[in-house]
PDB file of N, CA and C in Angstrom:
ATOM      1  N   GLY A   1       0.886 -10.482  -7.362  1.00  0.00           N
ATOM      2  CA  GLY A   1       0.110  -9.531  -6.569  1.00  0.00           C
ATOM      3  C   GLY A   1      -0.525  -8.642  -7.576  1.00  0.00           C
ATOM      4  N   LEU A   2      -1.475  -7.858  -6.976  1.00  0.00           N
ATOM      5  CA  LEU A   2      -2.283  -6.829  -7.782  1.00  0.00           C
ATOM      6  C   LEU A   2      -2.264  -5.544  -6.927  1.00  0.00           C
ATOM      7  N   ALA A   3      -2.104  -4.556  -7.821  1.00  0.00           N
ATOM      8  CA  ALA A   3      -2.339  -3.229  -7.306  1.00  0.00           C
ATOM      9  C   ALA A   3      -3.174  -2.332  -8.207  1.00  0.00           C
ATOM     10  N   VAL A   4      -4.016  -1.495  -7.599  1.00  0.00           N
ATOM     11  CA  VAL A   4      -4.820  -0.634  -8.364  1.00  0.00           C
ATOM     12  C   VAL A   4      -4.241   0.882  -7.998  1.00  0.00           C
ATOM     13  N   CYS A   5      -3.770   1.433  -9.007  1.00  0.00           N
ATOM     14  CA  CYS A   5      -3.164   2.718  -8.809  1.00  0.00           C
ATOM     15  C   CYS A   5      -3.914   3.861  -9.546  1.00  0.00           C
ATOM     16  N   HIS A   6      -4.081   5.101  -8.901  1.00  0.00           N
ATOM     17  CA  HIS A   6      -4.420   6.198  -9.615  1.00  0.00           C
ATOM     18  C   HIS A   6      -3.249   7.059  -9.884  1.00  0.00           C
ATOM     19  N   CYS A   7      -3.088   7.651 -11.082  1.00  0.00           N
ATOM     20  CA  CYS A   7      -1.923   8.371 -11.438  1.00  0.00           C
ATOM     21  C   CYS A   7      -2.087   9.810 -11.932  1.00  0.00           C
ATOM     22  N   GLY A   8      -1.551  10.756 -11.258  1.00  0.00           N
ATOM     23  CA  GLY A   8      -1.422  12.031 -11.739  1.00  0.00           C
ATOM     24  C   GLY A   8      -2.798  12.932 -11.709  1.00  0.00           C
ATOM     25  N   ALA A   9      -2.629  14.090 -12.291  1.00  0.00           N
ATOM     26  CA  ALA A   9      -3.703  15.148 -12.313  1.00  0.00           C
ATOM     27  C   ALA A   9      -4.877  14.386 -13.060  1.00  0.00           C
ATOM     28  N   GLY A  10      -6.032  14.897 -12.464  1.00  0.00           N
ATOM     29  CA  GLY A  10      -7.339  14.288 -12.994  1.00  0.00           C
ATOM     30  C   GLY A  10      -7.691  13.094 -12.401  1.00  0.00           C
ATOM     31  N   SER A  11      -6.941  12.497 -11.593  1.00  0.00           N
ATOM     32  CA  SER A  11      -7.239  11.257 -10.914  1.00  0.00           C
ATOM     33  C   SER A  11      -7.342  11.511  -9.384  1.00  0.00           C
ATOM     34  N   GLU A  12      -7.820  10.537  -8.661  1.00  0.00           N
ATOM     35  CA  GLU A  12      -7.810  10.651  -7.260  1.00  0.00           C
ATOM     36  C   GLU A  12      -6.528  11.017  -6.571  1.00  0.00           C
ATOM     37  N   ALA A  13      -5.396  10.543  -7.305  1.00  0.00           N
ATOM     38  CA  ALA A  13      -3.977  10.869  -6.743  1.00  0.00           C
ATOM     39  C   ALA A  13      -3.646  12.398  -6.671  1.00  0.00           C
ATOM     40  N   GLY A  14      -3.992  13.070  -7.683  1.00  0.00           N
ATOM     41  CA  GLY A  14      -3.632  14.433  -7.788  1.00  0.00           C
ATOM     42  C   GLY A  14      -2.443  14.550  -8.448  1.00  0.00           C
ATOM     43  N   GLU A  15      -1.994  15.800  -8.817  1.00  0.00           N
ATOM     44  CA  GLU A  15      -0.737  16.099  -9.683  1.00  0.00           C
ATOM     45  C   GLU A  15       0.514  15.529  -9.015  1.00  0.00           C
ATOM     46  N   ASP A  16       1.247  14.999  -9.874  1.00  0.00           N
ATOM     47  CA  ASP A  16       2.695  14.502  -9.592  1.00  0.00           C
ATOM     48  C   ASP A  16       2.595  13.363  -8.547  1.00  0.00           C
ATOM     49  N   VAL A  17       1.481  12.634  -8.356  1.00  0.00           N
ATOM     50  CA  VAL A  17       1.290  11.527  -7.382  1.00  0.00           C
ATOM     51  C   VAL A  17       0.774  10.281  -8.121  1.00  0.00           C
ATOM     52  N   CYS A  18       1.473   9.055  -7.751  1.00  0.00           N
ATOM     53  CA  CYS A  18       0.858   7.747  -7.946  1.00  0.00           C
ATOM     54  C   CYS A  18       0.363   7.338  -6.676  1.00  0.00           C
ATOM     55  N   PHE A  19      -0.936   6.932  -6.528  1.00  0.00           N
ATOM     56  CA  PHE A  19      -1.594   6.663  -5.442  1.00  0.00           C
ATOM     57  C   PHE A  19      -2.061   5.206  -5.539  1.00  0.00           C
ATOM     58  N   VAL A  20      -1.540   4.310  -4.657  1.00  0.00           N
ATOM     59  CA  VAL A  20      -1.955   2.890  -4.541  1.00  0.00           C
ATOM     60  C   VAL A  20      -3.201   2.824  -3.781  1.00  0.00           C
ATOM     61  N   LYS A  21      -4.263   2.733  -4.437  1.00  0.00           N
ATOM     62  CA  LYS A  21      -5.668   2.651  -3.774  1.00  0.00           C
ATOM     63  C   LYS A  21      -5.728   1.328  -2.993  1.00  0.00           C
ATOM     64  N   PHE A  22      -5.369   0.204  -3.728  1.00  0.00           N
ATOM     65  CA  PHE A  22      -5.427  -1.158  -3.130  1.00  0.00           C
ATOM     66  C   PHE A  22      -4.385  -1.959  -3.676  1.00  0.00           C
ATOM     67  N   GLY A  23      -3.751  -2.779  -2.861  1.00  0.00           N
ATOM     68  CA  GLY A  23      -2.714  -3.754  -3.385  1.00  0.00           C
ATOM     69  C   GLY A  23      -2.679  -4.903  -2.446  1.00  0.00           C
ATOM     70  N   ALA A  24      -2.523  -6.137  -2.868  1.00  0.00           N
ATOM     71  CA  ALA A  24      -2.381  -7.325  -2.205  1.00  0.00           C
ATOM     72  C   ALA A  24      -1.493  -8.354  -2.919  1.00  0.00           C
ATOM     73  N   VAL A  25      -0.994  -9.210  -1.989  1.00  0.00           N
ATOM     74  CA  VAL A  25      -0.237 -10.375  -2.536  1.00  0.00           C
ATOM     75  C   VAL A  25      -0.866 -11.675  -1.814  1.00  0.00           C
ATOM     76  N   ARG A  26      -0.675 -12.805  -2.586  1.00  0.00           N
ATOM     77  CA  ARG A  26      -1.070 -13.973  -2.077  1.00  0.00           C
ATOM     78  C   ARG A  26      -0.392 -14.346  -0.828  1.00  0.00           C
ATOM     79  N   PRO A  27      -1.140 -14.864   0.320  1.00  0.00           N
ATOM     80  CA  PRO A  27      -0.446 -15.208   1.509  1.00  0.00           C
ATOM     81  C   PRO A  27       0.378 -16.474   1.348  1.00  0.00           C
ATOM     82  N   GLY A  28       1.171 -16.679   2.347  1.00  0.00           N
ATOM     83  CA  GLY A  28       2.014 -17.941   2.359  1.00  0.00           C
ATOM     84  C   GLY A  28       3.488 -17.720   2.719  1.00  0.00           C
ATOM     85  N   PRO A  29       4.221 -18.714   2.632  1.00  0.00           N
ATOM     86  CA  PRO A  29       5.692 -18.461   2.962  1.00  0.00           C
ATOM     87  C   PRO A  29       6.438 -17.402   2.269  1.00  0.00           C
ATOM     88  N   ASP A  30       6.025 -17.108   0.872  1.00  0.00           N
ATOM     89  CA  ASP A  30       6.852 -16.213   0.160  1.00  0.00           C
ATOM     90  C   ASP A  30       6.050 -14.903   0.024  1.00  0.00           C
ATOM     91  N   ALA A  31       5.060 -14.548   0.840  1.00  0.00           N
ATOM     92  CA  ALA A  31       4.370 -13.473   0.726  1.00  0.00           C
ATOM     93  C   ALA A  31       5.110 -12.207   0.831  1.00  0.00           C
ATOM     94  N   ALA A  32       6.118 -12.060   1.839  1.00  0.00           N
ATOM     95  CA  ALA A  32       7.062 -10.984   1.965  1.00  0.00           C
ATOM     96  C   ALA A  32       7.743 -10.641   0.704  1.00  0.00           C
ATOM     97  N   ASP A  33       8.194 -11.568   0.043  1.00  0.00           N
ATOM     98  CA  ASP A  33       8.934 -11.418  -1.218  1.00  0.00           C
ATOM     99  C   ASP A  33       8.050 -10.969  -2.306  1.00  0.00           C
ATOM    100  N   ARG A  34       6.789 -11.486  -2.255  1.00  0.00           N
ATOM    101  CA  ARG A  34       5.869 -10.980  -3.384  1.00  0.00           C
ATOM    102  C   ARG A  34       5.360  -9.640  -3.035  1.00  0.00           C
ATOM    103  N   PHE A  35       5.477  -9.154  -1.818  1.00  0.00           N
ATOM    104  CA  PHE A  35       5.012  -7.885  -1.503  1.00  0.00           C
ATOM    105  C   PHE A  35       6.195  -6.873  -1.936  1.00  0.00           C
ATOM    106  N   GLU A  36       7.370  -7.245  -1.688  1.00  0.00           N
ATOM    107  CA  GLU A  36       8.543  -6.453  -2.195  1.00  0.00           C
ATOM    108  C   GLU A  36       8.462  -6.237  -3.681  1.00  0.00           C
ATOM    109  N   ARG A  37       8.101  -7.284  -4.465  1.00  0.00           N
ATOM    110  CA  ARG A  37       7.932  -7.223  -5.799  1.00  0.00           C
ATOM    111  C   ARG A  37       6.838  -6.176  -6.194  1.00  0.00           C
ATOM    112  N   LEU A  38       5.689  -6.360  -5.426  1.00  0.00           N
ATOM    113  CA  LEU A  38       4.550  -5.441  -5.760  1.00  0.00           C
ATOM    114  C   LEU A  38       4.977  -3.974  -5.575  1.00  0.00           C
ATOM    115  N   LEU A  39       5.645  -3.753  -4.433  1.00  0.00           N
ATOM    116  CA  LEU A  39       6.268  -2.443  -4.085  1.00  0.00           C
ATOM    117  C   LEU A  39       7.084  -1.928  -5.266  1.00  0.00           C
ATOM    118  N   ASN A  40       8.024  -2.676  -5.838  1.00  0.00           N
ATOM    119  CA  ASN A  40       8.901  -2.526  -6.871  1.00  0.00           C
ATOM    120  C   ASN A  40       8.097  -2.090  -8.096  1.00  0.00           C
ATOM    121  N   ALA A  41       7.045  -2.939  -8.481  1.00  0.00           N
ATOM    122  CA  ALA A  41       6.346  -2.565  -9.505  1.00  0.00           C
ATOM    123  C   ALA A  41       5.513  -1.207  -9.483  1.00  0.00           C
ATOM    124  N   CYS A  42       4.953  -0.903  -8.274  1.00  0.00           N
ATOM    125  CA  CYS A  42       4.454   0.465  -8.044  1.00  0.00           C
ATOM    126  C   CYS A  42       5.344   1.596  -8.154  1.00  0.00           C
ATOM    127  N   GLU A  43       6.543   1.429  -7.690  1.00  0.00           N
ATOM    128  CA  GLU A  43       7.686   2.438  -7.690  1.00  0.00           C
ATOM    129  C   GLU A  43       8.028   2.628  -9.202  1.00  0.00           C
ATOM    130  N   GLN A  44       8.180   1.543  -9.934  1.00  0.00           N
ATOM    131  CA  GLN A  44       8.453   1.535 -11.481  1.00  0.00           C
ATOM    132  C   GLN A  44       7.307   2.229 -12.200  1.00  0.00           C
ATOM    133  N   LEU A  45       6.091   1.998 -11.889  1.00  0.00           N
ATOM    134  CA  LEU A  45       5.015   2.682 -12.504  1.00  0.00           C
ATOM    135  C   LEU A  45       5.050   4.194 -12.345  1.00  0.00           C
ATOM    136  N   ALA A  46       5.333   4.627 -11.144  1.00  0.00           N
ATOM    137  CA  ALA A  46       5.466   5.972 -10.825  1.00  0.00           C
ATOM    138  C   ALA A  46       6.541   6.629 -11.608  1.00  0.00           C
ATOM    139  N   THR A  47       7.679   6.032 -11.648  1.00  0.00           N
ATOM    140  CA  THR A  47       8.877   6.508 -12.406  1.00  0.00           C
ATOM    141  C   THR A  47       8.613   6.578 -13.936  1.00  0.00           C
ATOM    142  N   GLU A  48       7.998   5.514 -14.483  1.00  0.00           N
ATOM    143  CA  GLU A  48       7.621   5.564 -15.822  1.00  0.00           C
ATOM    144  C   GLU A  48       6.478   6.619 -16.231  1.00  0.00           C
ATOM    145  N   LYS A  49       5.714   6.927 -15.335  1.00  0.00           N
ATOM    146  CA  LYS A  49       4.675   8.062 -15.594  1.00  0.00           C
ATOM    147  C   LYS A  49       5.316   9.370 -15.264  1.00  0.00           C
ATOM    148  N   GLY A  50       6.527   9.492 -14.765  1.00  0.00           N
ATOM    149  CA  GLY A  50       7.118  10.774 -14.516  1.00  0.00           C
ATOM    150  C   GLY A  50       6.533  11.438 -13.234  1.00  0.00           C
ATOM    151  N   LEU A  51       6.142  10.549 -12.292  1.00  0.00           N
ATOM    152  CA  LEU A  51       5.452  11.179 -11.056  1.00  0.00           C
ATOM    153  C   LEU A  51       6.394  11.125  -9.927  1.00  0.00           C
ATOM    154  N   GLY A  52       6.522  12.320  -9.133  1.00  0.00           N
ATOM    155  CA  GLY A  52       7.490  12.407  -8.134  1.00  0.00           C
ATOM    156  C   GLY A  52       7.139  11.904  -6.677  1.00  0.00           C
ATOM    157  N   GLN A  53       5.878  11.277  -6.591  1.00  0.00           N
ATOM    158  CA  GLN A  53       5.569  10.897  -5.197  1.00  0.00           C
ATOM    159  C   GLN A  53       4.722   9.622  -5.359  1.00  0.00           C
ATOM    160  N   LEU A  54       4.843   8.619  -4.469  1.00  0.00           N
ATOM    161  CA  LEU A  54       4.181   7.383  -4.385  1.00  0.00           C
ATOM    162  C   LEU A  54       3.408   7.324  -3.016  1.00  0.00           C
ATOM    163  N   ASP A  55       2.070   7.366  -3.120  1.00  0.00           N
ATOM    164  CA  ASP A  55       1.320   7.239  -1.860  1.00  0.00           C
ATOM    165  C   ASP A  55       0.684   5.968  -1.632  1.00  0.00           C
ATOM    166  N   ALA A  56       0.672   5.432  -0.484  1.00  0.00           N
ATOM    167  CA  ALA A  56      -0.121   4.168  -0.226  1.00  0.00           C
ATOM    168  C   ALA A  56      -0.455   4.090   1.234  1.00  0.00           C
ATOM    169  N   GLY A  57      -1.678   3.492   1.497  1.00  0.00           N
ATOM    170  CA  GLY A  57      -2.342   3.377   2.854  1.00  0.00           C
ATOM    171  C   GLY A  57      -1.972   1.948   3.396  1.00  0.00           C
ATOM    172  N   MET A  58      -1.804   1.995   4.700  1.00  0.00           N
ATOM    173  CA  MET A  58      -1.263   0.745   5.344  1.00  0.00           C
ATOM    174  C   MET A  58      -1.753   0.630   6.776  1.00  0.00           C
ATOM    175  N   SER A  59      -2.328  -0.352   7.230  1.00  0.00           N
ATOM    176  CA  SER A  59      -2.712  -0.610   8.659  1.00  0.00           C
ATOM    177  C   SER A  59      -1.605  -1.087   9.445  1.00  0.00           C
ATOM    178  N   LEU A  60      -1.279  -0.301  10.534  1.00  0.00           N
ATOM    179  CA  LEU A  60      -0.115  -0.759  11.381  1.00  0.00           C
ATOM    180  C   LEU A  60      -0.321  -2.095  11.899  1.00  0.00           C
ATOM    181  N   ALA A  61      -1.526  -2.837  11.879  1.00  0.00           N
ATOM    182  CA  ALA A  61      -1.639  -4.214  12.304  1.00  0.00           C
ATOM    183  C   ALA A  61      -0.965  -5.114  11.316  1.00  0.00           C
ATOM    184  N   ARG A  62      -0.548  -4.701  10.112  1.00  0.00           N
ATOM    185  CA  ARG A  62       0.239  -5.545   9.141  1.00  0.00           C
ATOM    186  C   ARG A  62       1.707  -5.206   9.369  1.00  0.00           C
ATOM    187  N   GLN A  63       2.190  -5.647  10.535  1.00  0.00           N
ATOM    188  CA  GLN A  63       3.403  -5.222  11.067  1.00  0.00           C
ATOM    189  C   GLN A  63       4.574  -5.463  10.091  1.00  0.00           C
ATOM    190  N   ASP A  64       4.762  -6.560   9.459  1.00  0.00           N
ATOM    191  CA  ASP A  64       5.839  -6.719   8.494  1.00  0.00           C
ATOM    192  C   ASP A  64       5.673  -5.939   7.225  1.00  0.00           C
ATOM    193  N   ALA A  65       4.547  -5.852   6.754  1.00  0.00           N
ATOM    194  CA  ALA A  65       4.310  -5.075   5.454  1.00  0.00           C
ATOM    195  C   ALA A  65       4.595  -3.636   5.814  1.00  0.00           C
ATOM    196  N   TYR A  66       4.133  -3.147   7.012  1.00  0.00           N
ATOM    197  CA  TYR A  66       4.356  -1.775   7.398  1.00  0.00           C
ATOM    198  C   TYR A  66       5.835  -1.465   7.599  1.00  0.00           C
ATOM    199  N   ARG A  67       6.610  -2.335   8.176  1.00  0.00           N
ATOM    200  CA  ARG A  67       7.990  -2.148   8.307  1.00  0.00           C
ATOM    201  C   ARG A  67       8.763  -2.101   7.050  1.00  0.00           C
ATOM    202  N   ARG A  68       8.312  -2.950   6.100  1.00  0.00           N
ATOM    203  CA  ARG A  68       9.049  -2.953   4.802  1.00  0.00           C
ATOM    204  C   ARG A  68       8.679  -1.586   4.033  1.00  0.00           C
ATOM    205  N   MET A  69       7.665  -1.106   4.260  1.00  0.00           N
ATOM    206  CA  MET A  69       7.406   0.171   3.589  1.00  0.00           C
ATOM    207  C   MET A  69       8.208   1.403   4.167  1.00  0.00           C
ATOM    208  N   VAL A  70       8.335   1.222   5.547  1.00  0.00           N
ATOM    209  CA  VAL A  70       9.018   2.278   6.289  1.00  0.00           C
ATOM    210  C   VAL A  70      10.535   2.202   5.894  1.00  0.00           C
ATOM    211  N   ASP A  71      11.093   0.991   5.757  1.00  0.00           N
ATOM    212  CA  ASP A  71      12.385   0.729   5.260  1.00  0.00           C
ATOM    213  C   ASP A  71      12.681   1.256   3.916  1.00  0.00           C
ATOM    214  N   ARG A  72      11.686   1.332   3.099  1.00  0.00           N
ATOM    215  CA  ARG A  72      11.833   1.955   1.725  1.00  0.00           C
ATOM    216  C   ARG A  72      11.707   3.498   1.634  1.00  0.00           C
ATOM    217  N   GLY A  73      11.265   4.001   2.824  1.00  0.00           N
ATOM    218  CA  GLY A  73      11.265   5.461   2.936  1.00  0.00           C
ATOM    219  C   GLY A  73       9.853   6.111   2.878  1.00  0.00           C
ATOM    220  N   PHE A  74       8.826   5.167   2.968  1.00  0.00           N
ATOM    221  CA  PHE A  74       7.483   5.612   3.227  1.00  0.00           C
ATOM    222  C   PHE A  74       7.325   6.127   4.481  1.00  0.00           C
ATOM    223  N   ARG A  75       6.549   7.276   4.753  1.00  0.00           N
ATOM    224  CA  ARG A  75       6.336   7.898   6.057  1.00  0.00           C
ATOM    225  C   ARG A  75       4.843   8.305   6.137  1.00  0.00           C
ATOM    226  N   THR A  76       4.474   8.299   7.446  1.00  0.00           N
ATOM    227  CA  THR A  76       3.133   8.533   7.718  1.00  0.00           C
ATOM    228  C   THR A  76       2.778  10.018   7.692  1.00  0.00           C
ATOM    229  N   TRP A  77       1.797  10.308   6.869  1.00  0.00           N
ATOM    230  CA  TRP A  77       1.349  11.733   6.799  1.00  0.00           C
ATOM    231  C   TRP A  77      -0.143  11.847   7.059  1.00  0.00           C
ATOM    232  N   LEU A  78      -0.886  10.800   7.261  1.00  0.00           N
ATOM    233  CA  LEU A  78      -2.268  10.781   7.503  1.00  0.00           C
ATOM    234  C   LEU A  78      -2.550   9.450   8.343  1.00  0.00           C
ATOM    235  N   GLN A  79      -3.262   9.735   9.489  1.00  0.00           N
ATOM    236  CA  GLN A  79      -3.686   8.613  10.305  1.00  0.00           C
ATOM    237  C   GLN A  79      -5.207   8.439  10.285  1.00  0.00           C
ATOM    238  N   GLY A  80      -5.595   7.238  10.337  1.00  0.00           N
ATOM    239  CA  GLY A  80      -7.152   7.034  10.428  1.00  0.00           C
ATOM    240  C   GLY A  80      -7.467   5.800  11.246  1.00  0.00           C
ATOM    241  N   VAL A  81      -8.574   5.523  11.437  1.00  0.00           N
ATOM    242  CA  VAL A  81      -9.247   4.496  12.435  1.00  0.00           C
ATOM    243  C   VAL A  81     -10.125   3.703  11.545  1.00  0.00           C
ATOM    244  N   THR A  82     -10.109   2.421  11.501  1.00  0.00           N
ATOM    245  CA  THR A  82     -11.049   1.639  10.986  1.00  0.00           C
ATOM    246  C   THR A  82     -11.868   0.833  11.936  1.00  0.00           C
ATOM    247  N   MET A  83     -13.199   0.705  11.880  1.00  0.00           N
ATOM    248  CA  MET A  83     -13.910   0.175  12.821  1.00  0.00           C
ATOM    249  C   MET A  83     -14.708  -0.966  12.137  1.00  0.00           C
ATOM    250  N   HIS A  84     -14.603  -2.172  12.868  1.00  0.00           N
ATOM    251  CA  HIS A  84     -15.138  -3.436  12.116  1.00  0.00           C
ATOM    252  C   HIS A  84     -16.125  -3.998  13.208  1.00  0.00           C
ATOM    253  N   LYS A  85     -17.325  -4.442  12.690  1.00  0.00           N
ATOM    254  CA  LYS A  85     -18.372  -5.143  13.517  1.00  0.00           C
ATOM    255  C   LYS A  85     -18.687  -6.398  12.841  1.00  0.00           C
ATOM    256  N   PRO A  86     -18.366  -7.532  13.523  1.00  0.00           N
ATOM    257  CA  PRO A  86     -17.826  -7.694  14.881  1.00  0.00           C
ATOM    258  C   PRO A  86     -16.262  -7.225  14.907  1.00  0.00           C
ATOM    259  N   ASN A  87     -15.800  -6.990  15.908  1.00  0.00           N
ATOM    260  CA  ASN A  87     -14.322  -6.727  16.209  1.00  0.00           C
ATOM    261  C   ASN A  87     -13.416  -7.913  15.967  1.00  0.00           C
ATOM    262  N   GLU A  88     -13.138  -8.035  14.761  1.00  0.00           N
ATOM    263  CA  GLU A  88     -12.259  -9.128  14.252  1.00  0.00           C
ATOM    264  C   GLU A  88     -11.256  -8.512  13.268  1.00  0.00           C
ATOM    265  N   PRO A  89     -10.084  -9.136  13.236  1.00  0.00           N
ATOM    266  CA  PRO A  89      -9.068  -8.455  12.447  1.00  0.00           C
ATOM    267  C   PRO A  89      -9.187  -8.464  10.935  1.00  0.00           C
ATOM    268  N   GLY A  90      -9.863  -9.314  10.375  1.00  0.00           N
ATOM    269  CA  GLY A  90     -10.277  -9.369   8.834  1.00  0.00           C
ATOM    270  C   GLY A  90      -8.854  -9.617   8.168  1.00  0.00           C
ATOM    271  N   TYR A  91      -8.559  -8.626   7.368  1.00  0.00           N
ATOM    272  CA  TYR A  91      -7.178  -8.810   6.616  1.00  0.00           C
ATOM    273  C   TYR A  91      -6.157  -7.769   7.189  1.00  0.00           C
ATOM    274  N   SER A  92      -6.434  -7.351   8.405  1.00  0.00           N
ATOM    275  CA  SER A  92      -5.533  -6.436   9.169  1.00  0.00           C
ATOM    276  C   SER A  92      -4.946  -7.206  10.343  1.00  0.00           C
ATOM    277  N   HIS A  93      -3.984  -8.085   9.906  1.00  0.00           N
ATOM    278  CA  HIS A  93      -3.270  -8.859  10.903  1.00  0.00           C
ATOM    279  C   HIS A  93      -1.736  -9.005  10.541  1.00  0.00           C
ATOM    280  N   PRO A  94      -0.871  -9.309  11.429  1.00  0.00           N
ATOM    281  CA  PRO A  94       0.585  -9.249  11.262  1.00  0.00           C
ATOM    282  C   PRO A  94       1.016  -9.974   9.990  1.00  0.00           C
ATOM    283  N   ASP A  95       0.253 -11.002   9.452  1.00  0.00           N
ATOM    284  CA  ASP A  95       0.889 -11.837   8.266  1.00  0.00           C
ATOM    285  C   ASP A  95       0.223 -11.373   6.910  1.00  0.00           C
ATOM    286  N   ALA A  96      -0.634 -10.340   6.977  1.00  0.00           N
ATOM    287  CA  ALA A  96      -1.162  -9.769   5.861  1.00  0.00           C
ATOM    288  C   ALA A  96      -0.309  -8.801   5.093  1.00  0.00           C
ATOM    289  N   TYR A  97      -0.224  -8.897   3.800  1.00  0.00           N
ATOM    290  CA  TYR A  97       0.394  -8.046   2.881  1.00  0.00           C
ATOM    291  C   TYR A  97      -0.566  -7.277   2.007  1.00  0.00           C
ATOM    292  N   VAL A  98      -1.240  -6.324   2.535  1.00  0.00           N
ATOM    293  CA  VAL A  98      -2.361  -5.602   1.836  1.00  0.00           C
ATOM    294  C   VAL A  98      -2.039  -4.152   2.007  1.00  0.00           C
ATOM    295  N   ILE A  99      -2.281  -3.366   0.892  1.00  0.00           N
ATOM    296  CA  ILE A  99      -2.210  -2.027   0.914  1.00  0.00           C
ATOM    297  C   ILE A  99      -3.684  -1.478   0.657  1.00  0.00           C
ATOM    298  N   ASP A 100      -4.104  -0.537   1.528  1.00  0.00           N
ATOM    299  CA  ASP A 100      -5.520  -0.155   1.278  1.00  0.00           C
ATOM    300  C   ASP A 100      -5.549   1.315   1.837  1.00  0.00           C
ATOM    301  N   ASP A 101      -6.458   2.074   1.349  1.00  0.00           N
ATOM    302  CA  ASP A 101      -6.733   3.495   1.781  1.00  0.00           C
ATOM    303  C   ASP A 101      -8.237   3.634   1.669  1.00  0.00           C
ATOM    304  N   TRP A 102      -8.968   3.955   2.920  1.00  0.00           N
ATOM    305  CA  TRP A 102     -10.384   4.059   3.018  1.00  0.00           C
ATOM    306  C   TRP A 102     -10.816   5.392   2.974  1.00  0.00           C
ATOM    307  N   ARG A 103     -10.013   6.419   2.488  1.00  0.00           N
ATOM    308  CA  ARG A 103     -10.518   7.682   2.385  1.00  0.00           C
ATOM    309  C   ARG A 103     -11.725   7.867   1.590  1.00  0.00           C
TER     310      ARG A 103
END
């Protein structure tokens, strides 16, 4: 997988925050395990940088990925809406393991 993170003061994340701007893992039968490893790596980065908070954006259409994040203690603090034309799911579907934040 791949994650692009902003870390700490002077970045988009802000003070004491590791912000996963984008992350994704390869689809397929082991995608869920790869996603867990990606989350582990992001948590480890935040710890190594001494940051107290890890933020990440997630579409609720990515049901399993969202559930896995909630199971790890992630909580919703900001809700948004994405609009696509044409109205197709793109990479926001139940089998996608993608972290993104369009702020």
